[in-house]
Amino acid sequence: MEVVDHMPKASPATSRPDDGLRIGIDVGGTHTDAVLLDGDVVIAAHKARTSRDVATGILDALEAILGRGPGEPDQSGASGIENRIEAVMLGTTQFTNAVVERRELAEVAAVRIGLPSGRGIPPKTGWPGDIARSLGEHVYMLHGGYLYDGWPLAALDDGEIKRVIADIKARRLEAVAISSAFSPMNPDPERQFAARLRAELPHIHICESHSIGRLGLLERENAALLNAALLDFAQGVVGSFEGAIRERGLNCRFYISQNDGTLMDAGFARRFPALTFASGPTNSLRGAGKLTGLADAIVVDIGGTTSDIGILRGGFPRESNTVIEVGGIRTNFRMPDILSIGLGGGSLVNDDGTRVGPRSVGHELIDKALVFGGGRLTATDIVVAAGGAAIGEPAKTRHLDPAVVATAQVRIGAMLNAAIDKMKPGGEALPVVLVGGGAVLAPEALAAAPEILLPEHAGVANAIGAAIAEIGGEAERMVSYEKIPRREAIDQVTAEARRNAEKAGASPASIRLADVEETALSYMPGNVTRLRVKVVGK
């Protein structure tokens, strides 16, 4: 297996006092990873267990990397490095976990503007019962909305609006999700209702579906409902992140990772916490690209419980074109195309080695694995027994039958080969990059991989991916090239994407076009095309 180090190591000569430094942090369910970067130079990296209150783990990680950073000590003995930090970028699974675990979710009023045609399938159709109950039974259907070509379904009814707002007020609800038919094409109905609602209830949390989801009413509505349910939780979580950073003396800009490989500032994250869903694997993919210099690759991120396999295309994660489920709920977020399998460092191995995972000791690995004095045979024990890594106390695996170790290694290789083959774009052979704390599990060679790279700092690739990310903006429209020239349509949608990037915190002068996606809709008259544009900026 080739070990690659394309990112320069730190040395006294590589750090200059006038340089801006960046910190990348990834808060996972088990570990909080942090890196300090000076350009492409990794000054310090640290991997620690995530604390129950999250903030303590972040503070510990910051202390570890800043304590090892460059800079002349001041009179107090501090290094003075805090003043040179340009920005802190943070990825988190907190909001994904809240949905999966059905906790910290507020009750939400689901307001759909789409009658008379939108009555057939009501909001939250197909939701698991437990999470549907968590958000409460507060559904309101109003007349209004538009078709894709701008033709109105019905006019907004002032009487309906008054009655709905009065009922929301009477129920003392604190969050509202508003969706209307084809609102990414024409968001006026959502905006009008939101304005009326804010006038009556100025402190209520509101999510308008056109601001978070793509075309497709049900999935976009679901995305808005999940986001609205997290808005109150987001105020505390983002505030906790900011508090930890400020407590360590950092007064720089603070950003949070989105699930498309870009960033949003703290204010934007408070409004759109659901955009962090799946940001962890996304950061790992971006970090893998940075560590190897590859723009196109298959990335295998092996953690404690699962392995996430994704594709890098042009330096960004390949996005899924299918409906994505989050906590059992169909959404149409801009999510990376990720395949997760039950293989990680904590995966349990049966006595004869023929089965590895999907059951795992997870975050209890350092207590229960053989190499740490526990009594459970895990995938980590297998790789240590085979001489592939020096973790814990290798002597505690000497009693393992070599045949069992060999069988388990073959099984691990077969699991990775099958997953990589499944994710190959059109069967194309791409180099495979291994990252994550469990990357040592992979065998020296894989039949599905023409080349395997294990870069330096692979264990904190997720934090590196957060640190190097840029601000992103996206816009989507259905356009008819018979009514508007293609170039003009692209320019219009690009302008909207640029505005969205600026709202998320991008410097206007730095924004550039990242991707244009056109999908012809042959089942619609008038040469209709689904046009999506993505831009990124510093």
Foldseek 3Di string as FASTA:
>chain_A
DAAAFPQDEDDPVVDDPQFAKEKFWEAEQFWIKIFIDGPSYTQDIDIDGQDPVNLVRVLVRCCRRLVSGAACADPVRHRPCLVRHAEYFYAYCVLLCCLLVVPLFFAEAQEEAEPPVPPPQFAPPQPPPSNVPRNPDHYHYFYWAAEQVRHIPDDGDPVSLVVSLVVCVVVVGQFYEYEYAPCLNPVVVVVVSVVVNCVVVVRGQYFYLSLFADHDGRQSSVLRSSQRRCLVVLVVVLVSVVVSCVVVVHPHFYWYFFQFLAIFGSVVCSNGVVRSVNRQVQLLQLLLCSRRVDQWFWEWAAEQFKIKIFIGHRSTTDFDPDFDDRSSGTHHGRHGDIDIDGAHQFWFADQQLQDTDNDGPGSCCCPADQLNPHDTDHLNLLLLCVVLDDPRHVVSSVPRDVNNSVNNLVNVLVVVLVVLCVHPDVSDAGAYEYAAPGSSSHDPDHPSHPHYYDYPVRRNSSSVSSRPHFQKFKGKGKDFCVVPPPVVVLVVRVVVRLVRSVNRPFDSVFKDWDDWDWAFDVVDPRRIIIIMTMITHD
